[in-house]
Protein backbone atom coordinates (compact mmCIF):
# COMPACT_ATOMS: atom_id res chain seq x y z
CA MET A 1 276.03 135.88 191.54
CA ARG A 2 275.71 132.12 192.03
CA ILE A 3 278.85 130.47 190.65
CA ALA A 4 278.86 126.72 190.05
CA ARG A 5 281.04 124.10 188.41
CA ILE A 6 279.16 121.74 186.12
CA ALA A 7 279.58 118.71 183.93
CA GLN A 8 277.93 119.63 180.63
CA PRO A 9 277.69 117.69 177.34
CA ASP A 10 281.15 118.79 176.14
CA GLY A 11 283.01 118.47 179.46
CA LEU A 12 283.50 120.57 182.59
CA ALA A 13 282.75 124.28 182.91
CA PHE A 14 282.11 127.04 185.38
CA ALA A 15 278.68 128.63 185.12
CA ALA A 16 276.51 131.31 186.63
CA ILE A 17 273.20 129.94 187.87
CA GLU A 18 270.27 132.13 186.91
CA GLY A 19 266.57 131.90 187.69
CA ASP A 20 264.45 130.96 190.69
CA GLY A 21 262.86 127.87 192.14
CA ASP A 22 262.90 124.93 189.75
CA ASP A 23 263.45 127.17 186.71
CA LEU A 24 267.25 127.43 186.86
CA THR A 25 269.69 127.89 183.99
CA ALA A 26 273.46 127.35 183.89
CA VAL A 27 275.18 130.11 181.85
CA GLU A 28 278.73 129.13 180.88
CA ILE A 29 281.57 131.35 182.11
CA ALA A 30 284.43 131.80 179.66
CA GLU A 31 287.36 132.54 181.97
CA ASP A 32 288.15 132.97 185.67
CA PRO A 33 284.75 132.75 187.37
CA PHE A 34 285.97 134.32 190.61
CA ALA A 35 287.54 137.48 189.19
CA ASN A 36 285.76 139.31 186.38
CA PRO A 37 283.72 136.62 184.62
CA THR A 38 282.81 136.81 180.97
CA PHE A 39 280.33 134.50 179.27
CA THR A 40 280.50 132.24 176.22
CA GLY A 41 276.81 132.56 175.38
CA ARG A 42 276.14 128.86 175.93
CA ARG A 43 273.44 127.95 178.44
CA TRP A 44 271.66 124.83 179.61
CA PRO A 45 268.67 124.07 181.83
CA LEU A 46 270.16 123.07 185.17
CA ALA A 47 268.36 119.72 184.88
CA ASP A 48 270.48 118.94 181.79
CA VAL A 49 273.86 119.32 183.53
CA ARG A 50 275.44 117.85 186.66
CA LEU A 51 276.50 120.06 189.54
CA LEU A 52 280.00 119.38 190.91
CA ALA A 53 281.77 120.81 193.95
CA PRO A 54 282.14 124.51 193.09
CA PHE A 55 285.96 124.34 193.31
CA LEU A 56 288.77 122.53 195.16
CA PRO A 57 289.80 124.58 198.21
CA PRO A 58 293.52 124.95 198.99
CA LYS A 59 292.62 124.23 202.62
CA ILE A 60 289.51 123.74 204.73
CA ILE A 61 289.44 125.20 208.23
CA GLY A 62 286.71 123.83 210.48
CA ILE A 63 285.37 125.43 213.63
CA GLY A 64 284.15 123.15 216.41
CA ARG A 65 281.50 123.81 219.07
CA ASN A 66 280.39 127.13 217.60
CA TYR A 67 276.72 126.69 218.57
CA ALA A 68 276.03 126.45 222.31
CA GLU A 69 273.38 123.73 221.98
CA HIS A 70 275.69 121.54 219.89
CA ALA A 71 278.48 121.87 222.47
CA ALA A 72 275.96 120.85 225.13
CA GLU A 73 274.67 117.82 223.22
CA MET A 74 278.27 116.60 222.88
CA GLY A 75 278.87 117.14 226.61
CA ASN A 76 281.48 119.83 226.01
CA GLU A 77 282.16 123.28 227.37
CA ILE A 78 281.84 126.32 225.14
CA PRO A 79 285.34 127.27 223.95
CA ALA A 80 286.57 130.74 224.89
CA GLU A 81 288.26 131.05 221.50
CA PRO A 82 287.29 129.50 218.16
CA LEU A 83 288.26 125.83 218.19
CA MET A 84 290.01 125.14 214.87
CA PHE A 85 290.75 121.96 212.95
CA LEU A 86 291.67 121.14 209.36
CA LYS A 87 290.06 118.88 206.78
CA PRO A 88 291.99 117.78 203.66
CA ASN A 89 290.70 118.92 200.29
CA THR A 90 290.63 115.24 199.26
CA ALA A 91 287.49 115.00 201.42
CA VAL A 92 285.56 117.31 199.06
CA ILE A 93 282.69 115.97 196.97
CA GLY A 94 279.90 117.80 195.19
CA PRO A 95 276.11 117.72 195.25
CA ASN A 96 274.49 114.30 194.79
CA ALA A 97 277.83 112.50 195.16
CA GLU A 98 277.90 109.68 197.69
CA ILE A 99 279.26 109.97 201.21
CA LYS A 100 281.18 106.74 201.80
CA LEU A 101 281.03 105.23 205.27
CA PRO A 102 284.44 103.76 206.21
CA ALA A 103 284.70 100.31 207.73
CA ALA A 104 286.95 101.75 210.46
CA SER A 105 284.07 103.67 212.05
CA GLY A 106 280.90 102.49 213.73
CA ARG A 107 279.30 105.95 213.89
CA VAL A 108 279.49 108.61 211.18
CA ASP A 109 277.52 111.80 211.81
CA PHE A 110 276.36 114.57 209.50
CA GLU A 111 277.08 118.19 210.46
CA GLY A 112 275.29 120.77 208.32
CA GLU A 113 277.14 124.09 208.13
CA LEU A 114 277.37 127.48 206.48
CA ALA A 115 280.74 127.74 204.70
CA VAL A 116 282.70 130.92 204.00
CA VAL A 117 284.73 131.13 200.78
CA VAL A 118 287.80 133.34 201.09
CA GLY A 119 288.43 135.90 198.37
CA VAL A 120 291.38 138.23 198.96
CA GLY A 121 292.82 136.38 201.94
CA GLY A 122 295.88 137.48 203.85
CA ARG A 123 297.34 137.34 207.34
CA ASP A 124 296.35 139.19 210.53
CA ILE A 125 293.06 140.38 209.05
CA PRO A 126 291.17 142.50 211.62
CA ALA A 127 287.51 141.72 212.18
CA SER A 128 286.68 145.25 211.05
CA ARG A 129 287.68 144.44 207.47
CA ALA A 130 287.07 140.70 207.45
CA ARG A 131 284.04 141.02 205.14
CA GLN A 132 286.31 142.45 202.45
CA SER A 133 288.23 139.16 202.46
CA VAL A 134 285.12 137.09 201.67
CA LEU A 135 284.33 136.02 198.12
CA GLY A 136 281.03 134.38 198.99
CA TYR A 137 279.26 131.58 200.81
CA THR A 138 278.28 127.99 200.18
CA ILE A 139 276.95 124.99 202.10
CA ALA A 140 279.01 122.22 203.67
CA ASN A 141 278.48 118.95 205.46
CA ASP A 142 281.32 118.38 207.92
CA VAL A 143 280.92 114.59 208.02
CA THR A 144 282.58 113.17 211.14
CA ALA A 145 283.46 109.68 212.37
CA ARG A 146 282.29 110.40 215.91
CA ASP A 147 283.72 107.29 217.56
CA LEU A 148 287.16 107.93 216.07
CA GLN A 149 287.01 111.58 217.09
CA LYS A 150 286.56 110.44 220.69
CA SER A 151 289.06 107.58 220.65
CA ASP A 152 291.87 109.37 218.79
CA GLY A 153 291.94 112.43 221.03
CA GLN A 154 292.48 114.64 217.96
CA TRP A 155 290.28 115.02 214.94
CA THR A 156 292.35 114.43 211.80
CA ARG A 157 291.21 110.89 211.02
CA ALA A 158 287.62 111.48 212.13
CA LYS A 159 287.22 114.50 209.87
CA GLY A 160 289.53 113.52 207.04
CA PHE A 161 288.13 110.49 205.21
CA ASP A 162 287.52 110.83 201.49
CA THR A 163 283.96 112.12 200.82
CA PHE A 164 283.70 113.71 204.29
CA CYS A 165 283.29 117.28 203.02
CA PRO A 166 280.39 117.74 200.62
CA LEU A 167 280.35 121.33 199.26
CA GLY A 168 277.84 123.16 197.10
CA PRO A 169 275.62 123.52 195.27
CA TRP A 170 277.28 126.83 194.27
CA VAL A 171 279.00 129.90 195.68
CA GLU A 172 276.74 132.89 196.29
CA THR A 173 278.71 136.14 196.14
CA GLU A 174 275.85 138.44 197.25
CA PHE A 175 274.62 137.12 200.56
CA ASP A 176 274.12 138.33 204.13
CA PRO A 177 274.94 135.43 206.49
CA SER A 178 274.14 137.22 209.74
CA ASP A 179 270.73 135.67 210.47
CA VAL A 180 269.51 132.94 208.14
CA ALA A 181 267.95 129.55 208.80
CA ILE A 182 270.10 126.43 208.59
CA ARG A 183 268.39 123.04 208.46
CA THR A 184 269.50 119.44 207.92
CA GLU A 185 267.15 116.65 206.88
CA VAL A 186 267.79 112.92 206.66
CA ASP A 187 265.36 111.10 204.37
CA GLY A 188 263.09 114.14 204.59
CA VAL A 189 263.03 114.25 208.42
CA VAL A 190 264.34 117.48 209.97
CA LYS A 191 267.26 116.79 212.32
CA GLN A 192 268.87 120.23 212.66
CA ASP A 193 266.94 123.51 212.66
CA SER A 194 268.73 126.67 213.77
CA ARG A 195 269.88 130.12 212.67
CA THR A 196 273.30 131.56 211.94
CA SER A 197 272.60 134.39 214.38
CA LEU A 198 273.31 131.80 217.10
CA LEU A 199 276.95 131.37 216.11
CA LEU A 200 279.07 131.87 219.22
CA HIS A 201 281.95 133.31 217.22
CA GLY A 202 280.79 135.33 214.22
CA ILE A 203 282.38 135.26 210.80
CA PRO A 204 284.50 138.43 211.20
CA GLU A 205 285.86 137.08 214.49
CA LEU A 206 286.61 133.71 212.88
CA ILE A 207 288.53 135.34 210.03
CA GLU A 208 290.53 137.47 212.45
CA HIS A 209 291.35 134.49 214.66
CA ILE A 210 292.27 132.09 211.85
CA SER A 211 294.38 134.64 209.99
CA SER A 212 296.35 135.36 213.16
CA VAL A 213 297.53 131.74 212.98
CA MET A 214 297.77 130.97 209.27
CA THR A 215 297.63 132.91 206.03
CA LEU A 216 294.27 132.64 204.31
CA ARG A 217 294.53 132.02 200.57
CA PRO A 218 291.92 132.70 197.86
CA LEU A 219 289.29 129.92 197.80
CA ASP A 220 290.16 128.61 201.25
CA VAL A 221 286.96 127.47 202.97
CA ILE A 222 285.94 128.13 206.57
CA LEU A 223 283.32 125.79 208.03
CA THR A 224 281.54 127.92 210.63
CA GLY A 225 280.24 125.14 212.90
CA THR A 226 277.17 122.97 213.17
CA PRO A 227 273.98 123.42 215.22
CA ALA A 228 272.53 120.88 217.61
CA GLY A 229 270.88 117.74 216.27
CA VAL A 230 273.75 115.75 214.79
CA CYS A 231 272.92 112.08 214.29
CA PRO A 232 274.58 109.02 212.75
CA LEU A 233 274.14 108.19 209.08
CA SER A 234 273.42 104.79 207.56
CA ALA A 235 274.02 103.47 204.07
CA GLY A 236 271.00 104.03 201.86
CA GLN A 237 269.98 107.31 203.49
CA THR A 238 269.98 110.76 201.90
CA VAL A 239 271.12 113.85 203.82
CA SER A 240 270.22 117.40 202.77
CA VAL A 241 271.57 120.64 204.23
CA THR A 242 269.64 123.82 203.46
CA VAL A 243 270.79 127.37 204.19
CA GLU A 244 268.13 130.01 203.65
CA GLY A 245 269.03 132.07 200.60
CA LEU A 246 271.78 129.69 199.44
CA GLY A 247 269.97 126.54 198.42
CA THR A 248 270.24 122.88 199.37
CA LEU A 249 273.17 120.45 199.32
CA THR A 250 272.01 116.83 199.03
CA ASN A 251 274.12 113.66 199.21
CA ALA A 252 273.36 109.97 199.32
CA VAL A 253 275.13 107.71 201.82
CA GLY A 254 276.83 104.41 201.00
CA HIS A 255 279.70 102.13 202.01
CA ARG A 256 283.30 102.36 200.88
């Protein structure tokens, strides 16, 4: 099931997204969309509603240097263990919302990523049952102020600006992430083109590693890392991240 949050004529709602291609329909969910959803019977063509971020995560755990070619392009070694960082949930925006470039940075990069949405959660989850802790998957753009990342020596400011974590367009609960294409385009030009099979640390390993440090809560988000090809963004551009089988997350870029 594809679960989205929408702005519809009467306000906000969760909805299941049905259909294929350009013929998509938002079917309103009556109660908790992530447990056992029931439906109100109301439905709208997707073109008649506005997609929002699917939810607000309690926390966002990022993984750095999880594709070998991206580590190389940044001049870094491959980490022996998953390299973790946190992004605040105040960085989250939805599809078609604007990424705001802060005056404090002279270089802000996109980083297209597959994102894992935690379901059951817990602590010390072994890799062998990590899949049971996953609710579904979505798409993320781990926007990063690259110059501040280098100058600060730690990543909180560089990763944490408002609007620096676009999520969406929905959560897909029936999805195999093991080997799918991931591609980022800026103004229609392909900048990143890779596959999730090239992740250095796979999703079960990430869940095991993260949960050995901190308890994973329902709707926490894990950003699995970005492929090679990151580039700076400029105001007026549009950046789109596509994950095969999930859809496309598109955001404009502007100034704060």
